[in-house]
């Protein structure tokens, strides 16, 4: 039961951090406007794919999860 409790706490904290990032994502300078993000505007059509932002967030989350696994 102790392992399940730790797992649920880790999942909950990860979801909390991800939710806070999504909530405040537009207020953090630079996030979502990195070089490498794809933005195509043609007439009334806009396509945006945050490629560089996704890679950066993936690296950050991987480092955080690696640190949590060591404990």
Protein backbone atom coordinates (compact mmCIF):
# COMPACT_ATOMS: atom_id res chain seq x y z
CA UNK A 1 0.00 0.00 0.00
CA UNK A 2 2.90 2.34 0.70
CA UNK A 3 4.16 2.07 -2.90
CA UNK A 4 0.71 2.87 -4.30
CA UNK A 5 0.51 5.92 -2.04
CA UNK A 6 3.87 7.20 -3.26
CA UNK A 7 2.86 6.60 -6.87
CA UNK A 8 -0.41 8.50 -6.44
CA UNK A 9 1.40 11.40 -4.75
CA UNK A 10 3.94 11.57 -7.59
CA UNK A 11 1.23 11.47 -10.24
CA UNK A 12 -0.74 14.14 -8.39
CA UNK A 13 2.24 16.47 -8.04
CA UNK A 14 3.14 15.97 -11.70
CA UNK A 15 -0.42 16.80 -12.76
CA UNK A 16 -0.41 19.85 -10.48
CA UNK A 17 2.84 21.13 -12.00
CA UNK A 18 1.59 20.50 -15.54
CA UNK A 19 -1.72 22.22 -14.78
CA UNK A 20 0.08 25.24 -13.33
CA UNK A 21 2.27 25.40 -16.40
CA UNK A 22 -0.75 25.35 -18.70
CA UNK A 23 -2.58 27.90 -16.57
CA UNK A 24 0.34 30.32 -16.40
CA UNK A 25 1.92 29.37 -19.75
CA UNK A 26 0.87 32.57 -21.47
CA UNK A 27 2.27 34.67 -18.64
CA UNK A 28 5.76 33.16 -18.64
CA UNK A 29 7.93 35.19 -21.03
CA UNK A 30 9.41 33.20 -23.89
CA UNK A 31 7.30 30.09 -23.49
CA UNK A 32 5.39 29.46 -26.70
CA UNK A 33 7.43 31.92 -28.74
CA UNK A 34 10.75 30.13 -29.03
CA UNK A 35 12.77 29.96 -32.23
CA UNK A 36 11.79 26.67 -33.83
CA UNK A 37 8.08 26.98 -33.10
CA UNK A 38 6.12 26.71 -36.34
CA UNK A 39 3.67 29.52 -37.18
CA UNK A 40 1.92 29.71 -40.54
CA UNK A 41 -0.52 32.54 -41.28
CA UNK A 42 -2.38 32.62 -44.59
CA UNK A 43 -5.46 34.76 -44.93
CA UNK A 44 -7.88 33.78 -42.19
CA UNK A 45 -6.05 30.50 -41.48
CA UNK A 46 -3.46 30.23 -38.70
CA UNK A 47 -1.49 27.09 -37.86
CA UNK A 48 0.73 27.05 -34.77
CA UNK A 49 2.81 24.10 -33.61
CA UNK A 50 5.13 24.75 -30.62
CA UNK A 51 7.90 22.34 -31.66
CA UNK A 52 10.80 23.93 -29.76
CA UNK A 53 8.61 24.60 -26.72
CA UNK A 54 7.51 20.94 -26.69
CA UNK A 55 11.10 19.73 -26.86
CA UNK A 56 12.15 22.09 -24.05
CA UNK A 57 9.26 21.00 -21.81
CA UNK A 58 10.03 17.35 -22.54
CA UNK A 59 13.64 17.80 -21.46
CA UNK A 60 12.62 19.63 -18.28
CA UNK A 61 10.02 17.01 -17.35
CA UNK A 62 12.49 14.18 -18.07
CA UNK A 63 15.03 15.75 -15.73
CA UNK A 64 12.44 16.25 -13.00
CA UNK A 65 11.21 12.66 -13.27
CA UNK A 66 14.81 11.34 -13.28
CA UNK A 67 15.49 13.26 -10.06
CA UNK A 68 12.30 11.90 -8.48
CA UNK A 69 13.25 8.33 -9.40
CA UNK A 70 16.58 8.62 -7.59
CA UNK A 71 14.82 9.27 -4.31
